[in-house]
Amino acid sequence: MIDTADVTNIELQAAREAAGLYQHQVARQLHVSEDTVSRWERGESMPTSEQVDKMEKLYRAPGLWYGWMRYHDKPFRDRFPEEPA
């Protein structure tokens, strides 16, 4: 399970590696380039919430989407100030 309090680009990479996947495999599943996945993991660009949702399923990493949204989306953080039970 992902620490839902703080999901950054570093956690995206860690979740992918924990799932035993390579960037090119993720890129193929998400219909993006390998360079795009690399940029996400380096923090140079950000995936959409829909792409993070797909990563959560692909990586089998419960909490990835919620943590990403809490860290990167102020309206979401304002609406849901607490972590889910």
Protein backbone atom coordinates (compact mmCIF):
# COMPACT_ATOMS: atom_id res chain seq x y z
CA MET A 1 0.00 0.00 0.00
CA ILE A 2 1.15 3.52 -0.81
CA ASP A 3 1.54 6.18 1.88
CA THR A 4 -1.40 8.28 0.75
CA ALA A 5 -0.16 11.42 2.46
CA ASP A 6 2.58 12.19 -0.04
CA VAL A 7 2.71 10.74 -3.55
CA THR A 8 5.23 12.55 -5.71
CA ASN A 9 7.10 11.61 -8.86
CA ILE A 10 9.52 9.62 -6.68
CA GLU A 11 6.66 7.45 -5.39
CA LEU A 12 5.42 6.90 -8.94
CA GLN A 13 8.80 5.45 -9.86
CA ALA A 14 9.00 3.39 -6.66
CA ALA A 15 5.52 1.95 -7.26
CA ARG A 16 6.43 1.00 -10.84
CA GLU A 17 9.65 -0.66 -9.73
CA ALA A 18 7.87 -2.50 -6.89
CA ALA A 19 5.45 -3.86 -9.49
CA GLY A 20 8.42 -5.16 -11.50
CA LEU A 21 7.57 -3.09 -14.55
CA TYR A 22 9.80 -1.18 -16.94
CA GLN A 23 8.96 2.26 -18.25
CA HIS A 24 8.36 0.93 -21.76
CA GLN A 25 5.78 -1.54 -20.42
CA VAL A 26 3.92 1.21 -18.59
CA ALA A 27 4.08 3.47 -21.64
CA ARG A 28 2.52 0.77 -23.79
CA GLN A 29 -0.31 0.16 -21.31
CA LEU A 30 -1.06 3.88 -20.93
CA HIS A 31 -0.68 4.67 -24.64
CA VAL A 32 2.08 7.23 -24.09
CA SER A 33 5.76 7.29 -24.99
CA GLU A 34 8.47 5.87 -22.78
CA ASP A 35 9.91 9.39 -22.62
CA THR A 36 6.61 10.62 -21.16
CA VAL A 37 6.78 8.06 -18.34
CA SER A 38 10.40 9.05 -17.74
CA ARG A 39 9.44 12.74 -17.51
CA TRP A 40 6.69 11.93 -15.00
CA GLU A 41 9.14 10.04 -12.83
CA ARG A 42 11.71 12.85 -13.02
CA GLY A 43 9.06 15.40 -12.08
CA GLU A 44 9.38 17.27 -15.37
CA SER A 45 5.71 16.79 -16.27
CA MET A 46 2.65 15.36 -14.58
CA PRO A 47 0.29 12.58 -15.58
CA THR A 48 -3.42 13.24 -15.53
CA SER A 49 -5.52 11.93 -12.67
CA GLU A 50 -6.91 9.34 -15.10
CA GLN A 51 -3.41 8.14 -15.94
CA VAL A 52 -2.52 7.87 -12.25
CA ASP A 53 -5.72 5.88 -11.70
CA LYS A 54 -4.59 3.47 -14.43
CA MET A 55 -1.13 3.27 -12.84
CA GLU A 56 -2.69 2.40 -9.48
CA LYS A 57 -4.40 -0.59 -11.09
CA LEU A 58 -1.42 -1.58 -13.24
CA TYR A 59 1.01 -1.38 -10.31
CA ARG A 60 -1.47 -2.96 -7.88
CA ALA A 61 -0.72 -0.03 -5.57
CA PRO A 62 -3.83 0.90 -3.57
CA GLY A 63 -3.76 4.53 -2.50
CA LEU A 64 -1.57 5.77 -5.34
CA TRP A 65 -4.32 7.85 -6.97
CA TYR A 66 -5.59 9.27 -3.67
CA GLY A 67 -2.09 10.22 -2.54
CA TRP A 68 -1.31 11.79 -5.91
CA MET A 69 -4.48 13.86 -5.80
CA ARG A 70 -3.85 14.94 -2.20
CA TYR A 71 -0.35 16.10 -3.08
CA HIS A 72 -1.00 17.69 -6.47
CA ASP A 73 -4.58 18.94 -6.51
CA LYS A 74 -5.50 21.72 -4.07
CA PRO A 75 -9.28 21.60 -4.76
CA PHE A 76 -9.20 17.86 -4.01
CA ARG A 77 -7.18 18.48 -0.84
CA ASP A 78 -9.63 21.17 0.25
CA ARG A 79 -12.60 18.90 -0.38
CA PHE A 80 -11.05 15.85 1.29
CA PRO A 81 -8.75 17.16 4.05
CA GLU A 82 -8.46 13.81 5.81
CA GLU A 83 -7.07 10.50 4.63
CA PRO A 84 -9.66 7.78 4.00
CA ALA A 85 -10.30 5.32 6.81
